[in-house]
Amino acid sequence: MRVQNIVRLEADDNYVRIWADRMYLHKETLAGLVARLDPRAFVRIHRSHAVRIDCVRELVPRLHGEYLLRLSNGVEIVSGRSYRQVVRGTFGLE
């Protein structure tokens, strides 16, 4: 699997589900894996989710500072409230 094919990452205890051409299970924490990826390409949007920035097709504001992110593969993920500033900064909403 190539990093360029990754669409999103999802925490699963001490594992990460890596969603690319198919789902891969990787034994590492989400924090550890995101720290090794290019921050210009990936952003953590929730304590359990990170996404490839160029795979985000739409951002829809929700209540309490959350955003619904629609990805290029049709998946929808709601950002965490504590990641509001990160999401706004990454996508130029400030």
PDB file of N, CA and C in Angstrom:
ATOM      1  N   MET A   1       0.837  -1.179   0.000  1.00  0.00           N
ATOM      2  CA  MET A   1       0.000   0.000   0.000  1.00  0.00           C
ATOM      3  C   MET A   1       0.882   1.242   0.000  1.00  0.00           C
ATOM      4  N   ARG A   2       0.508   2.205  -0.805  1.00  0.00           N
ATOM      5  CA  ARG A   2       1.254   3.459  -0.889  1.00  0.00           C
ATOM      6  C   ARG A   2       0.538   4.538  -0.091  1.00  0.00           C
ATOM      7  N   VAL A   3       1.313   5.409   0.529  1.00  0.00           N
ATOM      8  CA  VAL A   3       0.747   6.500   1.323  1.00  0.00           C
ATOM      9  C   VAL A   3      -0.193   7.356   0.475  1.00  0.00           C
ATOM     10  N   GLN A   4       0.124   7.536  -0.796  1.00  0.00           N
ATOM     11  CA  GLN A   4      -0.701   8.361  -1.688  1.00  0.00           C
ATOM     12  C   GLN A   4      -2.111   7.795  -1.876  1.00  0.00           C
ATOM     13  N   ASN A   5      -2.292   6.516  -1.577  1.00  0.00           N
ATOM     14  CA  ASN A   5      -3.600   5.873  -1.744  1.00  0.00           C
ATOM     15  C   ASN A   5      -4.478   5.952  -0.498  1.00  0.00           C
ATOM     16  N   ILE A   6      -3.916   6.399   0.612  1.00  0.00           N
ATOM     17  CA  ILE A   6      -4.680   6.461   1.858  1.00  0.00           C
ATOM     18  C   ILE A   6      -5.699   7.592   1.785  1.00  0.00           C
ATOM     19  N   VAL A   7      -6.944   7.275   2.146  1.00  0.00           N
ATOM     20  CA  VAL A   7      -8.019   8.267   2.173  1.00  0.00           C
ATOM     21  C   VAL A   7      -8.251   8.743   3.606  1.00  0.00           C
ATOM     22  N   ARG A   8      -8.283   7.775   4.532  1.00  0.00           N
ATOM     23  CA  ARG A   8      -8.536   8.143   5.927  1.00  0.00           C
ATOM     24  C   ARG A   8      -7.955   7.107   6.875  1.00  0.00           C
ATOM     25  N   LEU A   9      -7.862   7.493   8.136  1.00  0.00           N
ATOM     26  CA  LEU A   9      -7.348   6.637   9.192  1.00  0.00           C
ATOM     27  C   LEU A   9      -8.361   6.635  10.330  1.00  0.00           C
ATOM     28  N   GLU A  10      -8.543   5.477  10.937  1.00  0.00           N
ATOM     29  CA  GLU A  10      -9.518   5.351  12.013  1.00  0.00           C
ATOM     30  C   GLU A  10      -8.918   4.555  13.166  1.00  0.00           C
ATOM     31  N   ALA A  11      -8.918   5.128  14.357  1.00  0.00           N
ATOM     32  CA  ALA A  11      -8.376   4.457  15.534  1.00  0.00           C
ATOM     33  C   ALA A  11      -9.245   3.285  15.946  1.00  0.00           C
ATOM     34  N   ASP A  12      -8.585   2.226  16.388  1.00  0.00           N
ATOM     35  CA  ASP A  12      -9.264   1.044  16.913  1.00  0.00           C
ATOM     36  C   ASP A  12      -8.387   0.479  18.018  1.00  0.00           C
ATOM     37  N   ASP A  13      -8.519   1.045  19.218  1.00  0.00           N
ATOM     38  CA  ASP A  13      -7.645   0.750  20.353  1.00  0.00           C
ATOM     39  C   ASP A  13      -6.193   1.035  19.978  1.00  0.00           C
ATOM     40  N   ASN A  14      -5.320   0.037  20.054  1.00  0.00           N
ATOM     41  CA  ASN A  14      -3.909   0.240  19.708  1.00  0.00           C
ATOM     42  C   ASN A  14      -3.617  -0.118  18.256  1.00  0.00           C
ATOM     43  N   TYR A  15      -4.649  -0.110  17.453  1.00  0.00           N
ATOM     44  CA  TYR A  15      -4.529  -0.368  16.024  1.00  0.00           C
ATOM     45  C   TYR A  15      -5.094   0.825  15.266  1.00  0.00           C
ATOM     46  N   VAL A  16      -4.766   0.885  13.996  1.00  0.00           N
ATOM     47  CA  VAL A  16      -5.345   1.893  13.110  1.00  0.00           C
ATOM     48  C   VAL A  16      -5.894   1.177  11.888  1.00  0.00           C
ATOM     49  N   ARG A  17      -7.127   1.494  11.561  1.00  0.00           N
ATOM     50  CA  ARG A  17      -7.698   1.014  10.301  1.00  0.00           C
ATOM     51  C   ARG A  17      -7.298   2.031   9.243  1.00  0.00           C
ATOM     52  N   ILE A  18      -6.576   1.575   8.254  1.00  0.00           N
ATOM     53  CA  ILE A  18      -6.111   2.438   7.172  1.00  0.00           C
ATOM     54  C   ILE A  18      -7.000   2.157   5.971  1.00  0.00           C
ATOM     55  N   TRP A  19      -7.728   3.180   5.545  1.00  0.00           N
ATOM     56  CA  TRP A  19      -8.661   3.030   4.424  1.00  0.00           C
ATOM     57  C   TRP A  19      -7.993   3.568   3.169  1.00  0.00           C
ATOM     58  N   ALA A  20      -7.731   2.687   2.227  1.00  0.00           N
ATOM     59  CA  ALA A  20      -7.126   3.037   0.943  1.00  0.00           C
ATOM     60  C   ALA A  20      -7.927   2.296  -0.127  1.00  0.00           C
ATOM     61  N   ASP A  21      -7.265   1.518  -0.974  1.00  0.00           N
ATOM     62  CA  ASP A  21      -7.984   0.705  -1.962  1.00  0.00           C
ATOM     63  C   ASP A  21      -8.807  -0.389  -1.273  1.00  0.00           C
ATOM     64  N   ARG A  22      -8.417  -0.732  -0.060  1.00  0.00           N
ATOM     65  CA  ARG A  22      -9.162  -1.625   0.828  1.00  0.00           C
ATOM     66  C   ARG A  22      -8.762  -1.249   2.248  1.00  0.00           C
ATOM     67  N   MET A  23      -9.322  -1.892   3.245  1.00  0.00           N
ATOM     68  CA  MET A  23      -8.986  -1.574   4.620  1.00  0.00           C
ATOM     69  C   MET A  23      -7.793  -2.421   5.072  1.00  0.00           C
ATOM     70  N   TYR A  24      -6.829  -1.755   5.695  1.00  0.00           N
ATOM     71  CA  TYR A  24      -5.664  -2.418   6.265  1.00  0.00           C
ATOM     72  C   TYR A  24      -5.695  -2.174   7.770  1.00  0.00           C
ATOM     73  N   LEU A  25      -5.275  -3.154   8.553  1.00  0.00           N
ATOM     74  CA  LEU A  25      -5.185  -2.998   9.996  1.00  0.00           C
ATOM     75  C   LEU A  25      -3.712  -2.931  10.360  1.00  0.00           C
ATOM     76  N   HIS A  26      -3.326  -1.848  11.039  1.00  0.00           N
ATOM     77  CA  HIS A  26      -1.923  -1.587  11.369  1.00  0.00           C
ATOM     78  C   HIS A  26      -1.788  -1.466  12.881  1.00  0.00           C
ATOM     79  N   LYS A  27      -0.814  -2.178  13.474  1.00  0.00           N
ATOM     80  CA  LYS A  27      -0.631  -2.146  14.926  1.00  0.00           C
ATOM     81  C   LYS A  27       0.201  -0.938  15.320  1.00  0.00           C
ATOM     82  N   GLU A  28      -0.487   0.141  15.617  1.00  0.00           N
ATOM     83  CA  GLU A  28       0.121   1.394  16.068  1.00  0.00           C
ATOM     84  C   GLU A  28      -1.038   2.299  16.491  1.00  0.00           C
ATOM     85  N   THR A  29      -0.759   3.248  17.352  1.00  0.00           N
ATOM     86  CA  THR A  29      -1.821   4.185  17.717  1.00  0.00           C
ATOM     87  C   THR A  29      -2.008   5.207  16.604  1.00  0.00           C
ATOM     88  N   LEU A  30      -3.180   5.811  16.586  1.00  0.00           N
ATOM     89  CA  LEU A  30      -3.447   6.851  15.591  1.00  0.00           C
ATOM     90  C   LEU A  30      -2.483   8.018  15.774  1.00  0.00           C
ATOM     91  N   ALA A  31      -2.239   8.419  17.002  1.00  0.00           N
ATOM     92  CA  ALA A  31      -1.307   9.526  17.265  1.00  0.00           C
ATOM     93  C   ALA A  31       0.079   9.214  16.719  1.00  0.00           C
ATOM     94  N   GLY A  32       0.551   8.013  16.927  1.00  0.00           N
ATOM     95  CA  GLY A  32       1.870   7.626  16.440  1.00  0.00           C
ATOM     96  C   GLY A  32       1.964   7.625  14.927  1.00  0.00           C
ATOM     97  N   LEU A  33       0.941   7.111  14.278  1.00  0.00           N
ATOM     98  CA  LEU A  33       0.948   7.049  12.817  1.00  0.00           C
ATOM     99  C   LEU A  33       0.822   8.440  12.197  1.00  0.00           C
ATOM    100  N   VAL A  34      -0.086   9.259  12.717  1.00  0.00           N
ATOM    101  CA  VAL A  34      -0.266  10.615  12.185  1.00  0.00           C
ATOM    102  C   VAL A  34       1.018  11.427  12.350  1.00  0.00           C
ATOM    103  N   ALA A  35       1.735  11.218  13.439  1.00  0.00           N
ATOM    104  CA  ALA A  35       2.989  11.945  13.676  1.00  0.00           C
ATOM    105  C   ALA A  35       4.038  11.629  12.615  1.00  0.00           C
ATOM    106  N   ARG A  36       3.947  10.463  12.006  1.00  0.00           N
ATOM    107  CA  ARG A  36       4.924  10.078  10.978  1.00  0.00           C
ATOM    108  C   ARG A  36       4.495  10.467   9.562  1.00  0.00           C
ATOM    109  N   LEU A  37       3.261  10.917   9.406  1.00  0.00           N
ATOM    110  CA  LEU A  37       2.766  11.309   8.083  1.00  0.00           C
ATOM    111  C   LEU A  37       2.983  12.806   7.853  1.00  0.00           C
ATOM    112  N   ASP A  38       3.003  13.202   6.592  1.00  0.00           N
ATOM    113  CA  ASP A  38       3.194  14.599   6.215  1.00  0.00           C
ATOM    114  C   ASP A  38       1.995  15.434   6.677  1.00  0.00           C
ATOM    115  N   PRO A  39       2.223  16.434   7.544  1.00  0.00           N
ATOM    116  CA  PRO A  39       1.112  17.254   8.030  1.00  0.00           C
ATOM    117  C   PRO A  39       0.496  18.135   6.947  1.00  0.00           C
ATOM    118  N   ARG A  40       1.153  18.258   5.810  1.00  0.00           N
ATOM    119  CA  ARG A  40       0.563  18.992   4.687  1.00  0.00           C
ATOM    120  C   ARG A  40      -0.409  18.112   3.910  1.00  0.00           C
ATOM    121  N   ALA A  41      -0.380  16.802   4.161  1.00  0.00           N
ATOM    122  CA  ALA A  41      -1.241  15.866   3.449  1.00  0.00           C
ATOM    123  C   ALA A  41      -2.348  15.279   4.330  1.00  0.00           C
ATOM    124  N   PHE A  42      -2.100  15.152   5.632  1.00  0.00           N
ATOM    125  CA  PHE A  42      -3.067  14.530   6.539  1.00  0.00           C
ATOM    126  C   PHE A  42      -3.352  15.433   7.720  1.00  0.00           C
ATOM    127  N   VAL A  43      -4.597  15.386   8.183  1.00  0.00           N
ATOM    128  CA  VAL A  43      -4.985  16.175   9.353  1.00  0.00           C
ATOM    129  C   VAL A  43      -5.863  15.323  10.263  1.00  0.00           C
ATOM    130  N   ARG A  44      -5.594  15.439  11.536  1.00  0.00           N
ATOM    131  CA  ARG A  44      -6.424  14.746  12.518  1.00  0.00           C
ATOM    132  C   ARG A  44      -7.641  15.623  12.780  1.00  0.00           C
ATOM    133  N   ILE A  45      -8.834  15.048  12.665  1.00  0.00           N
ATOM    134  CA  ILE A  45     -10.062  15.824  12.800  1.00  0.00           C
ATOM    135  C   ILE A  45     -10.921  15.382  13.991  1.00  0.00           C
ATOM    136  N   HIS A  46     -10.487  14.322  14.658  1.00  0.00           N
ATOM    137  CA  HIS A  46     -11.265  13.732  15.749  1.00  0.00           C
ATOM    138  C   HIS A  46     -10.305  12.844  16.517  1.00  0.00           C
ATOM    139  N   ARG A  47     -10.615  12.538  17.743  1.00  0.00           N
ATOM    140  CA  ARG A  47      -9.696  11.671  18.498  1.00  0.00           C
ATOM    141  C   ARG A  47      -9.559  10.296  17.856  1.00  0.00           C
ATOM    142  N   SER A  48     -10.524   9.928  17.015  1.00  0.00           N
ATOM    143  CA  SER A  48     -10.490   8.618  16.359  1.00  0.00           C
ATOM    144  C   SER A  48     -10.306   8.670  14.848  1.00  0.00           C
ATOM    145  N   HIS A  49     -10.157   9.874  14.261  1.00  0.00           N
ATOM    146  CA  HIS A  49     -10.102   9.980  12.805  1.00  0.00           C
ATOM    147  C   HIS A  49      -9.072  10.991  12.311  1.00  0.00           C
ATOM    148  N   ALA A  50      -8.428  10.634  11.226  1.00  0.00           N
ATOM    149  CA  ALA A  50      -7.581  11.559  10.465  1.00  0.00           C
ATOM    150  C   ALA A  50      -7.928  11.330   8.997  1.00  0.00           C
ATOM    151  N   VAL A  51      -7.780  12.368   8.191  1.00  0.00           N
ATOM    152  CA  VAL A  51      -8.131  12.266   6.776  1.00  0.00           C
ATOM    153  C   VAL A  51      -7.020  12.841   5.908  1.00  0.00           C
ATOM    154  N   ARG A  52      -6.978  12.368   4.681  1.00  0.00           N
ATOM    155  CA  ARG A  52      -6.094  12.965   3.678  1.00  0.00           C
ATOM    156  C   ARG A  52      -6.774  14.253   3.220  1.00  0.00           C
ATOM    157  N   ILE A  53      -6.091  15.364   3.339  1.00  0.00           N
ATOM    158  CA  ILE A  53      -6.676  16.679   3.089  1.00  0.00           C
ATOM    159  C   ILE A  53      -7.269  16.790   1.689  1.00  0.00           C
ATOM    160  N   ASP A  54      -6.555  16.299   0.684  1.00  0.00           N
ATOM    161  CA  ASP A  54      -7.063  16.457  -0.683  1.00  0.00           C
ATOM    162  C   ASP A  54      -8.195  15.483  -1.030  1.00  0.00           C
ATOM    163  N   CYS A  55      -8.597  14.635  -0.087  1.00  0.00           N
ATOM    164  CA  CYS A  55      -9.749  13.752  -0.303  1.00  0.00           C
ATOM    165  C   CYS A  55     -11.037  14.338   0.262  1.00  0.00           C
ATOM    166  N   VAL A  56     -10.934  15.477   0.948  1.00  0.00           N
ATOM    167  CA  VAL A  56     -12.122  16.125   1.489  1.00  0.00           C
ATOM    168  C   VAL A  56     -12.787  16.915   0.371  1.00  0.00           C
ATOM    169  N   ARG A  57     -14.032  16.601   0.075  1.00  0.00           N
ATOM    170  CA  ARG A  57     -14.763  17.248  -1.014  1.00  0.00           C
ATOM    171  C   ARG A  57     -15.706  18.334  -0.527  1.00  0.00           C
ATOM    172  N   GLU A  58     -16.177  18.201   0.719  1.00  0.00           N
ATOM    173  CA  GLU A  58     -17.134  19.188   1.226  1.00  0.00           C
ATOM    174  C   GLU A  58     -17.055  19.244   2.747  1.00  0.00           C
ATOM    175  N   LEU A  59     -17.201  20.441   3.289  1.00  0.00           N
ATOM    176  CA  LEU A  59     -17.271  20.673   4.734  1.00  0.00           C
ATOM    177  C   LEU A  59     -18.621  21.311   5.027  1.00  0.00           C
ATOM    178  N   VAL A  60     -19.361  20.720   5.937  1.00  0.00           N
ATOM    179  CA  VAL A  60     -20.671  21.251   6.304  1.00  0.00           C
ATOM    180  C   VAL A  60     -20.637  21.584   7.797  1.00  0.00           C
ATOM    181  N   PRO A  61     -20.812  22.858   8.157  1.00  0.00           N
ATOM    182  CA  PRO A  61     -20.820  23.218   9.582  1.00  0.00           C
ATOM    183  C   PRO A  61     -21.992  22.566  10.301  1.00  0.00           C
ATOM    184  N   ARG A  62     -21.732  22.149  11.525  1.00  0.00           N
ATOM    185  CA  ARG A  62     -22.778  21.564  12.371  1.00  0.00           C
ATOM    186  C   ARG A  62     -22.813  22.327  13.682  1.00  0.00           C
ATOM    187  N   LEU A  63     -23.686  21.932  14.549  1.00  0.00           N
ATOM    188  CA  LEU A  63     -23.799  22.589  15.850  1.00  0.00           C
ATOM    189  C   LEU A  63     -22.553  22.365  16.697  1.00  0.00           C
ATOM    190  N   HIS A  64     -22.299  23.276  17.596  1.00  0.00           N
ATOM    191  CA  HIS A  64     -21.242  23.147  18.605  1.00  0.00           C
ATOM    192  C   HIS A  64     -19.832  23.100  18.034  1.00  0.00           C
ATOM    193  N   GLY A  65     -19.604  23.676  16.830  1.00  0.00           N
ATOM    194  CA  GLY A  65     -18.261  23.754  16.277  1.00  0.00           C
ATOM    195  C   GLY A  65     -17.774  22.517  15.561  1.00  0.00           C
ATOM    196  N   GLU A  66     -18.655  21.580  15.324  1.00  0.00           N
ATOM    197  CA  GLU A  66     -18.278  20.380  14.577  1.00  0.00           C
ATOM    198  C   GLU A  66     -18.483  20.622  13.093  1.00  0.00           C
ATOM    199  N   TYR A  67     -17.832  19.799  12.273  1.00  0.00           N
ATOM    200  CA  TYR A  67     -18.013  19.844  10.823  1.00  0.00           C
ATOM    201  C   TYR A  67     -18.267  18.432  10.314  1.00  0.00           C
ATOM    202  N   LEU A  68     -19.130  18.326   9.321  1.00  0.00           N
ATOM    203  CA  LEU A  68     -19.318  17.075   8.601  1.00  0.00           C
ATOM    204  C   LEU A  68     -18.390  17.143   7.400  1.00  0.00           C
ATOM    205  N   LEU A  69     -17.480  16.195   7.288  1.00  0.00           N
ATOM    206  CA  LEU A  69     -16.559  16.139   6.157  1.00  0.00           C
ATOM    207  C   LEU A  69     -17.018  15.051   5.212  1.00  0.00           C
ATOM    208  N   ARG A  70     -17.251  15.396   3.967  1.00  0.00           N
ATOM    209  CA  ARG A  70     -17.599  14.418   2.934  1.00  0.00           C
ATOM    210  C   ARG A  70     -16.342  14.159   2.121  1.00  0.00           C
ATOM    211  N   LEU A  71     -15.958  12.895   2.051  1.00  0.00           N
ATOM    212  CA  LEU A  71     -14.729  12.512   1.370  1.00  0.00           C
ATOM    213  C   LEU A  71     -15.006  12.078  -0.065  1.00  0.00           C
ATOM    214  N   SER A  72     -13.958  12.003  -0.845  1.00  0.00           N
ATOM    215  CA  SER A  72     -14.073  11.648  -2.265  1.00  0.00           C
ATOM    216  C   SER A  72     -14.659  10.264  -2.479  1.00  0.00           C
ATOM    217  N   ASN A  73     -14.533   9.371  -1.499  1.00  0.00           N
ATOM    218  CA  ASN A  73     -15.088   8.024  -1.635  1.00  0.00           C
ATOM    219  C   ASN A  73     -16.521   7.918  -1.110  1.00  0.00           C
ATOM    220  N   GLY A  74     -17.130   9.069  -0.740  1.00  0.00           N
ATOM    221  CA  GLY A  74     -18.506   9.090  -0.275  1.00  0.00           C
ATOM    222  C   GLY A  74     -18.680   8.956   1.227  1.00  0.00           C
ATOM    223  N   VAL A  75     -17.617   8.662   1.953  1.00  0.00           N
ATOM    224  CA  VAL A  75     -17.694   8.512   3.404  1.00  0.00           C
ATOM    225  C   VAL A  75     -17.892   9.886   4.037  1.00  0.00           C
ATOM    226  N   GLU A  76     -18.702   9.947   5.084  1.00  0.00           N
ATOM    227  CA  GLU A  76     -18.927  11.168   5.839  1.00  0.00           C
ATOM    228  C   GLU A  76     -18.436  10.959   7.267  1.00  0.00           C
ATOM    229  N   ILE A  77     -17.654  11.921   7.776  1.00  0.00           N
ATOM    230  CA  ILE A  77     -17.099  11.849   9.125  1.00  0.00           C
ATOM    231  C   ILE A  77     -17.375  13.182   9.809  1.00  0.00           C
ATOM    232  N   VAL A  78     -17.788  13.130  11.065  1.00  0.00           N
ATOM    233  CA  VAL A  78     -18.004  14.349  11.835  1.00  0.00           C
ATOM    234  C   VAL A  78     -16.751  14.617  12.656  1.00  0.00           C
ATOM    235  N   SER A  79     -16.258  15.849  12.562  1.00  0.00           N
ATOM    236  CA  SER A  79     -15.062  16.224  13.315  1.00  0.00           C
ATOM    237  C   SER A  79     -15.410  16.390  14.792  1.00  0.00           C
ATOM    238  N   GLY A  80     -14.387  16.293  15.615  1.00  0.00           N
ATOM    239  CA  GLY A  80     -14.575  16.511  17.047  1.00  0.00           C
ATOM    240  C   GLY A  80     -14.542  17.996  17.371  1.00  0.00           C
ATOM    241  N   ARG A  81     -15.277  18.398  18.405  1.00  0.00           N
ATOM    242  CA  ARG A  81     -15.318  19.814  18.784  1.00  0.00           C
ATOM    243  C   ARG A  81     -13.942  20.351  19.137  1.00  0.00           C
ATOM    244  N   SER A  82     -13.122  19.539  19.783  1.00  0.00           N
ATOM    245  CA  SER A  82     -11.795  20.018  20.185  1.00  0.00           C
ATOM    246  C   SER A  82     -10.843  20.178  19.000  1.00  0.00           C
ATOM    247  N   TYR A  83     -11.244  19.713  17.831  1.00  0.00           N
ATOM    248  CA  TYR A  83     -10.425  19.849  16.625  1.00  0.00           C
ATOM    249  C   TYR A  83     -10.945  20.969  15.709  1.00  0.00           C
ATOM    250  N   ARG A  84     -11.883  21.766  16.202  1.00  0.00           N
ATOM    251  CA  ARG A  84     -12.502  22.820  15.403  1.00  0.00           C
ATOM    252  C   ARG A  84     -11.467  23.775  14.803  1.00  0.00           C
ATOM    253  N   GLN A  85     -10.534  24.264  15.612  1.00  0.00           N
ATOM    254  CA  GLN A  85      -9.538  25.217  15.116  1.00  0.00           C
ATOM    255  C   GLN A  85      -8.618  24.568  14.083  1.00  0.00           C
ATOM    256  N   VAL A  86      -8.277  23.323  14.280  1.00  0.00           N
ATOM    257  CA  VAL A  86      -7.425  22.604  13.338  1.00  0.00           C
ATOM    258  C   VAL A  86      -8.141  22.470  11.990  1.00  0.00           C
ATOM    259  N   VAL A  87      -9.402  22.080  12.025  1.00  0.00           N
ATOM    260  CA  VAL A  87     -10.182  21.928  10.792  1.00  0.00           C
ATOM    261  C   VAL A  87     -10.329  23.281  10.107  1.00  0.00           C
ATOM    262  N   ARG A  88     -10.686  24.312  10.851  1.00  0.00           N
ATOM    263  CA  ARG A  88     -10.863  25.647  10.266  1.00  0.00           C
ATOM    264  C   ARG A  88      -9.554  26.140   9.651  1.00  0.00           C
ATOM    265  N   GLY A  89      -8.446  25.969  10.327  1.00  0.00           N
ATOM    266  CA  GLY A  89      -7.159  26.412   9.801  1.00  0.00           C
ATOM    267  C   GLY A  89      -6.719  25.632   8.582  1.00  0.00           C
ATOM    268  N   THR A  90      -6.899  24.341   8.621  1.00  0.00           N
ATOM    269  CA  THR A  90      -6.480  23.482   7.505  1.00  0.00           C
ATOM    270  C   THR A  90      -7.238  23.802   6.222  1.00  0.00           C
ATOM    271  N   PHE A  91      -8.516  24.093   6.353  1.00  0.00           N
ATOM    272  CA  PHE A  91      -9.350  24.307   5.160  1.00  0.00           C
ATOM    273  C   PHE A  91      -9.650  25.796   4.908  1.00  0.00           C
ATOM    274  N   GLY A  92      -8.893  26.672   5.548  1.00  0.00           N
ATOM    275  CA  GLY A  92      -8.992  28.108   5.279  1.00  0.00           C
ATOM    276  C   GLY A  92     -10.311  28.731   5.682  1.00  0.00           C
ATOM    277  N   LEU A  93     -10.868  28.306   6.779  1.00  0.00           N
ATOM    278  CA  LEU A  93     -12.150  28.845   7.242  1.00  0.00           C
ATOM    279  C   LEU A  93     -11.990  29.930   8.289  1.00  0.00           C
ATOM    280  N   GLU A  94     -10.774  30.351   8.551  1.00  0.00           N
ATOM    281  CA  GLU A  94     -10.547  31.395   9.563  1.00  0.00           C
ATOM    282  C   GLU A  94     -10.342  32.731   8.928  1.00  0.00           C
TER     283      GLU A  94
END
